[in-house]
Amino acid sequence: MYYFQALDMIFVTILHLLKTQLNILGDALATIRKRVLKRLGVNYKKAEILHDEQFPKFEKEMYKELTHCTKHLMSLLE
């Protein structure tokens, strides 16, 4: 009986950690543009970049950040 309780507790803990990691990843994706602009030193409140191709450095940083988030998601799904 204690063995099953211990396994249930471990399972619930793992699910809680997975939920937390997915929430963090969701927030990272929601704020990705603002964080990249801040990292590049661009005032994100006044930035009017309609097409990322106009700002190649920004596009490269966005791709790098999206790749990082995708790798994190893939590790969570494994």
C-alpha atoms as a PDB file:
ATOM      1  CA  MET A   1       0.000   0.000   0.000  1.00  0.00           C
ATOM      2  CA  TYR A   2       2.769   2.439   0.883  1.00  0.00           C
ATOM      3  CA  TYR A   3       4.500   1.534  -2.359  1.00  0.00           C
ATOM      4  CA  PHE A   4       1.459   2.620  -4.380  1.00  0.00           C
ATOM      5  CA  GLN A   5       1.114   5.832  -2.399  1.00  0.00           C
ATOM      6  CA  ALA A   6       4.774   6.654  -2.996  1.00  0.00           C
ATOM      7  CA  LEU A   7       4.413   6.029  -6.735  1.00  0.00           C
ATOM      8  CA  ASP A   8       1.280   8.187  -6.860  1.00  0.00           C
ATOM      9  CA  MET A   9       3.102  11.005  -5.072  1.00  0.00           C
ATOM     10  CA  ILE A  10       6.018  10.787  -7.505  1.00  0.00           C
ATOM     11  CA  PHE A  11       3.628  10.801 -10.474  1.00  0.00           C
ATOM     12  CA  VAL A  12       1.743  13.850  -9.158  1.00  0.00           C
ATOM     13  CA  THR A  13       5.016  15.665  -8.478  1.00  0.00           C
ATOM     14  CA  ILE A  14       6.263  14.988 -12.014  1.00  0.00           C
ATOM     15  CA  LEU A  15       2.969  16.248 -13.458  1.00  0.00           C
ATOM     16  CA  HIS A  16       3.219  19.400 -11.344  1.00  0.00           C
ATOM     17  CA  LEU A  17       6.781  20.044 -12.536  1.00  0.00           C
ATOM     18  CA  LEU A  18       5.737  19.466 -16.154  1.00  0.00           C
ATOM     19  CA  LYS A  19       2.854  21.918 -15.780  1.00  0.00           C
ATOM     20  CA  THR A  20       5.204  24.522 -14.314  1.00  0.00           C
ATOM     21  CA  GLN A  21       7.727  24.077 -17.125  1.00  0.00           C
ATOM     22  CA  LEU A  22       4.968  24.393 -19.760  1.00  0.00           C
ATOM     23  CA  ASN A  23       3.706  27.587 -18.087  1.00  0.00           C
ATOM     24  CA  ILE A  24       7.227  29.027 -18.152  1.00  0.00           C
ATOM     25  CA  LEU A  25       7.601  28.076 -21.810  1.00  0.00           C
ATOM     26  CA  GLY A  26       4.238  29.651 -22.658  1.00  0.00           C
ATOM     27  CA  ASP A  27       5.226  32.893 -20.957  1.00  0.00           C
ATOM     28  CA  ALA A  28       8.574  32.841 -22.767  1.00  0.00           C
ATOM     29  CA  LEU A  29       6.803  32.507 -26.102  1.00  0.00           C
ATOM     30  CA  ALA A  30       4.312  35.253 -25.231  1.00  0.00           C
ATOM     31  CA  THR A  31       7.073  37.754 -24.432  1.00  0.00           C
ATOM     32  CA  ILE A  32       9.657  36.656 -26.992  1.00  0.00           C
ATOM     33  CA  ARG A  33       9.463  39.767 -29.193  1.00  0.00           C
ATOM     34  CA  LYS A  34       9.732  42.200 -26.287  1.00  0.00           C
ATOM     35  CA  ARG A  35      12.673  40.309 -24.748  1.00  0.00           C
ATOM     36  CA  VAL A  36      14.603  40.161 -28.027  1.00  0.00           C
ATOM     37  CA  LEU A  37      14.086  43.879 -28.653  1.00  0.00           C
ATOM     38  CA  LYS A  38      15.259  44.624 -25.119  1.00  0.00           C
ATOM     39  CA  ARG A  39      18.315  42.391 -25.596  1.00  0.00           C
ATOM     40  CA  LEU A  40      19.199  44.297 -28.781  1.00  0.00           C
ATOM     41  CA  GLY A  41      18.817  47.626 -26.979  1.00  0.00           C
ATOM     42  CA  VAL A  42      15.798  48.761 -28.998  1.00  0.00           C
ATOM     43  CA  ASN A  43      13.012  50.569 -27.188  1.00  0.00           C
ATOM     44  CA  TYR A  44      10.258  47.981 -27.617  1.00  0.00           C
ATOM     45  CA  LYS A  45       7.498  50.495 -26.893  1.00  0.00           C
ATOM     46  CA  LYS A  46       8.513  52.635 -29.871  1.00  0.00           C
ATOM     47  CA  ALA A  47       9.680  49.820 -32.154  1.00  0.00           C
ATOM     48  CA  GLU A  48       7.549  49.541 -35.261  1.00  0.00           C
ATOM     49  CA  ILE A  49       9.117  46.583 -37.032  1.00  0.00           C
ATOM     50  CA  LEU A  50       6.410  45.301 -39.332  1.00  0.00           C
ATOM     51  CA  HIS A  51       8.572  42.861 -41.254  1.00  0.00           C
ATOM     52  CA  ASP A  52      11.451  41.082 -39.546  1.00  0.00           C
ATOM     53  CA  GLU A  53      13.340  40.952 -42.863  1.00  0.00           C
ATOM     54  CA  GLN A  54      13.907  44.721 -42.536  1.00  0.00           C
ATOM     55  CA  PHE A  55      16.007  44.136 -39.411  1.00  0.00           C
ATOM     56  CA  PRO A  56      18.237  41.052 -40.026  1.00  0.00           C
ATOM     57  CA  LYS A  57      19.872  41.121 -36.586  1.00  0.00           C
ATOM     58  CA  PHE A  58      16.440  41.065 -34.952  1.00  0.00           C
ATOM     59  CA  GLU A  59      15.307  38.218 -37.209  1.00  0.00           C
ATOM     60  CA  LYS A  60      18.413  36.193 -36.324  1.00  0.00           C
ATOM     61  CA  GLU A  61      17.869  36.704 -32.583  1.00  0.00           C
ATOM     62  CA  MET A  62      14.177  35.799 -32.894  1.00  0.00           C
ATOM     63  CA  TYR A  63      15.092  32.589 -34.722  1.00  0.00           C
ATOM     64  CA  LYS A  64      17.702  31.773 -32.059  1.00  0.00           C
ATOM     65  CA  GLU A  65      15.164  32.311 -29.263  1.00  0.00           C
ATOM     66  CA  LEU A  66      12.469  30.277 -31.034  1.00  0.00           C
ATOM     67  CA  THR A  67      14.965  27.458 -31.565  1.00  0.00           C
ATOM     68  CA  HIS A  68      15.793  27.499 -27.858  1.00  0.00           C
ATOM     69  CA  CYS A  69      12.082  27.358 -26.916  1.00  0.00           C
ATOM     70  CA  THR A  70      11.461  24.545 -29.399  1.00  0.00           C
ATOM     71  CA  LYS A  71      14.336  22.491 -27.972  1.00  0.00           C
ATOM     72  CA  HIS A  72      12.964  23.032 -24.485  1.00  0.00           C
ATOM     73  CA  LEU A  73       9.500  21.893 -25.603  1.00  0.00           C
ATOM     74  CA  MET A  74      10.934  18.806 -27.296  1.00  0.00           C
ATOM     75  CA  SER A  75      12.807  17.849 -24.119  1.00  0.00           C
ATOM     76  CA  LEU A  76       9.580  18.196 -22.127  1.00  0.00           C
ATOM     77  CA  LEU A  77       7.657  16.053 -24.585  1.00  0.00           C
ATOM     78  CA  GLU A  78      10.268  13.296 -24.447  1.00  0.00           C
END
